[in-house]
Amino acid sequence: NSVEVSRVDSATSLAPESHRRNPLQVIWMRRWIVVVTMILAMGVGLFQFEHATPMFSSRARIYVTQSGPKIVGADMATVMAATNNYLYTQCELICSPTILQGVAERPEIATLPTFQQSDDANAAANVVGYLRQNVSAVPGRRDDIISIFVKAPNPQDAADIANAIVDQ
């Protein structure tokens, strides 16, 4: 009686398993790359934090009423939609170049420290461009109040600009 013994090659049976590696094991093997990358990212973040200009925000609120004839017998949902659209329209008008040009031409706004940093001959155009980027108006959710937000590097400038927009 002869017994055949089959020989199993262990290298071929484990070959598919050996190509799969645990991702955490790969990261651990390359831990210095991860540590150096984290240190560099923290250094860049600290540099940005130290050299960034602080920005202050100011908010002015204005109550807006729609003047016009009242619609008698109209559906209440239609009236509410018209009021909501009216507030969004007023927000767009507040942030429009026409209104912001009027604000930029005011002498008390043109002489603010925020705008005195520029030596450009087109200072008024720069003021309007600055205002377009840093002024936003948002209608209230449950009321007829529009909030006007202004960002500036000087807190008093932000408040003065917001008040000038409301006065305009």
Protein backbone atom coordinates (compact mmCIF):
# COMPACT_ATOMS: atom_id res chain seq x y z
CA ASN A 1 0.00 0.00 0.00
CA SER A 2 1.43 3.17 -1.07
CA VAL A 3 0.16 6.49 0.13
CA GLU A 4 0.65 9.50 -1.97
CA VAL A 5 1.43 12.66 -0.16
CA SER A 6 0.66 15.78 -2.04
CA ARG A 7 2.83 18.67 -1.36
CA VAL A 8 1.21 22.09 -1.08
CA ASP A 9 3.37 24.99 -2.00
CA SER A 10 2.78 27.59 0.70
CA ALA A 11 4.19 30.43 -1.41
CA THR A 12 1.56 30.05 -4.12
CA SER A 13 -1.38 29.67 -1.75
CA LEU A 14 -0.59 32.89 0.16
CA ALA A 15 0.33 34.99 -2.85
CA PRO A 16 -3.05 36.75 -3.25
CA GLU A 17 -3.09 37.61 0.48
CA SER A 18 0.41 39.09 0.49
CA HIS A 19 -0.49 41.86 -1.99
CA ARG A 20 -3.16 43.29 0.29
CA ARG A 21 -1.77 45.45 3.04
CA ASN A 22 -3.47 47.11 5.91
CA PRO A 23 -3.66 50.89 5.18
CA LEU A 24 -2.83 51.71 8.80
CA GLN A 25 0.25 49.55 8.55
CA VAL A 26 1.36 51.44 5.44
CA ILE A 27 0.84 54.78 7.20
CA TRP A 28 2.75 53.52 10.23
CA MET A 29 5.65 52.45 8.01
CA ARG A 30 5.73 55.94 6.50
CA ARG A 31 5.01 57.81 9.72
CA TRP A 32 7.79 60.36 9.22
CA ILE A 33 6.18 61.56 6.01
CA VAL A 34 2.88 61.99 7.86
CA VAL A 35 4.54 63.81 10.78
CA VAL A 36 6.50 66.18 8.52
CA THR A 37 3.38 66.92 6.46
CA MET A 38 1.38 67.72 9.60
CA ILE A 39 4.13 70.01 10.93
CA LEU A 40 4.32 71.85 7.60
CA ALA A 41 0.52 72.27 7.48
CA MET A 42 0.47 73.63 11.02
CA GLY A 43 3.29 76.03 10.16
CA VAL A 44 1.45 77.35 7.10
CA GLY A 45 -1.72 77.74 9.17
CA LEU A 46 0.11 79.65 11.90
CA PHE A 47 1.77 81.92 9.33
CA GLN A 48 -1.61 82.66 7.72
CA PHE A 49 -3.18 83.32 11.13
CA GLU A 50 -0.44 85.76 12.13
CA HIS A 51 -0.42 87.70 8.84
CA ALA A 52 -4.16 87.82 8.04
CA THR A 53 -5.95 91.14 8.40
CA PRO A 54 -8.64 90.91 11.08
CA MET A 55 -12.10 91.67 9.74
CA PHE A 56 -14.91 93.09 11.84
CA SER A 57 -18.57 92.77 11.03
CA SER A 58 -21.30 95.30 11.67
CA ARG A 59 -25.03 94.82 11.26
CA ALA A 60 -27.71 97.41 10.65
CA ARG A 61 -31.37 96.47 10.56
CA ILE A 62 -34.03 98.32 8.63
CA TYR A 63 -37.78 97.86 8.69
CA VAL A 64 -39.23 97.84 5.18
CA THR A 65 -42.88 98.33 4.35
CA GLN A 66 -44.39 98.00 0.93
CA SER A 67 -46.37 101.07 -0.03
CA GLY A 68 -49.12 100.46 -2.50
CA PRO A 69 -52.73 99.46 -2.73
CA LYS A 70 -53.94 96.59 -0.59
CA ILE A 71 -55.35 93.70 -2.56
CA VAL A 72 -58.85 92.97 -1.31
CA GLY A 73 -60.07 89.39 -1.55
CA ALA A 74 -56.64 88.04 -2.47
CA ASP A 75 -55.37 84.75 -1.17
CA MET A 76 -53.15 85.19 1.92
CA ALA A 77 -50.42 82.97 0.43
CA THR A 78 -50.22 85.27 -2.60
CA VAL A 79 -49.87 88.32 -0.37
CA MET A 80 -47.11 86.63 1.68
CA ALA A 81 -45.22 85.61 -1.49
CA ALA A 82 -45.43 89.16 -2.79
CA THR A 83 -44.06 90.48 0.51
CA ASN A 84 -41.24 87.93 0.46
CA ASN A 85 -40.31 88.81 -3.12
CA TYR A 86 -40.47 92.49 -2.22
CA LEU A 87 -37.92 92.00 0.57
CA TYR A 88 -35.54 90.09 -1.70
CA THR A 89 -35.86 92.84 -4.30
CA GLN A 90 -35.05 95.47 -1.69
CA CYS A 91 -31.99 93.46 -0.59
CA GLU A 92 -30.73 93.40 -4.18
CA LEU A 93 -31.33 97.15 -4.48
CA ILE A 94 -29.42 97.83 -1.24
CA CYS A 95 -26.39 95.95 -2.62
CA SER A 96 -26.68 97.51 -6.09
CA PRO A 97 -23.87 99.65 -7.51
CA THR A 98 -26.21 102.67 -7.66
CA ILE A 99 -26.81 102.70 -3.91
CA LEU A 100 -23.21 101.82 -3.10
CA GLN A 101 -21.96 104.59 -5.42
CA GLY A 102 -24.05 107.08 -3.44
CA VAL A 103 -22.54 105.76 -0.21
CA ALA A 104 -19.00 105.92 -1.64
CA GLU A 105 -19.45 109.56 -2.68
CA ARG A 106 -20.32 110.66 0.85
CA PRO A 107 -17.35 112.60 2.28
CA GLU A 108 -17.50 110.87 5.67
CA ILE A 109 -17.21 107.46 3.96
CA ALA A 110 -14.47 108.40 1.48
CA THR A 111 -12.24 109.59 4.34
CA LEU A 112 -12.52 106.42 6.45
CA PRO A 113 -9.19 104.75 7.35
CA THR A 114 -10.24 101.60 5.48
CA PHE A 115 -10.20 103.52 2.18
CA GLN A 116 -7.21 105.77 2.92
CA GLN A 117 -4.79 102.86 2.54
CA SER A 118 -5.10 103.06 -1.25
CA ASP A 119 -2.91 105.42 -3.32
CA ASP A 120 -4.82 104.66 -6.53
CA ALA A 121 -6.29 107.51 -8.60
CA ASN A 122 -9.57 105.58 -9.01
CA ALA A 123 -10.32 105.66 -5.28
CA ALA A 124 -14.10 106.02 -5.72
CA ALA A 125 -14.22 102.99 -8.02
CA ASN A 126 -12.17 101.05 -5.49
CA VAL A 127 -14.57 102.07 -2.72
CA VAL A 128 -17.57 100.83 -4.71
CA GLY A 129 -15.78 97.57 -5.54
CA TYR A 130 -14.83 97.12 -1.90
CA LEU A 131 -18.42 97.74 -0.82
CA ARG A 132 -19.78 95.27 -3.39
CA GLN A 133 -17.54 92.56 -1.95
CA ASN A 134 -18.09 93.34 1.73
CA VAL A 135 -21.74 94.39 1.97
CA SER A 136 -24.61 91.93 2.08
CA ALA A 137 -28.31 92.28 2.82
CA VAL A 138 -30.51 89.46 4.09
CA PRO A 139 -34.29 89.59 4.51
CA GLY A 140 -35.81 88.43 7.77
CA ARG A 141 -37.50 85.05 7.83
CA ARG A 142 -40.59 85.94 9.79
CA ASP A 143 -40.62 89.71 9.67
CA ASP A 144 -40.20 92.64 7.30
CA ILE A 145 -36.75 93.55 8.60
CA ILE A 146 -33.68 93.53 6.35
CA SER A 147 -30.29 93.00 7.99
CA ILE A 148 -27.37 94.75 6.32
CA PHE A 149 -23.95 93.25 7.08
CA VAL A 150 -20.68 95.09 6.45
CA LYS A 151 -17.17 93.67 6.88
CA ALA A 152 -14.19 96.00 7.35
CA PRO A 153 -10.73 95.86 8.98
CA ASN A 154 -11.76 98.68 11.33
CA PRO A 155 -14.84 98.11 13.55
CA GLN A 156 -15.87 101.78 13.53
CA ASP A 157 -15.60 101.88 9.72
CA ALA A 158 -17.90 98.87 9.45
CA ALA A 159 -20.49 100.60 11.65
CA ASP A 160 -20.21 103.90 9.75
CA ILE A 161 -20.64 102.19 6.37
CA ALA A 162 -23.67 100.22 7.58
CA ASN A 163 -25.29 103.39 8.92
CA ALA A 164 -24.53 105.26 5.68
CA ILE A 165 -26.20 102.50 3.65
CA VAL A 166 -29.32 102.75 5.82
CA ASP A 167 -29.34 106.57 5.44
CA GLN A 168 -28.94 106.30 1.67
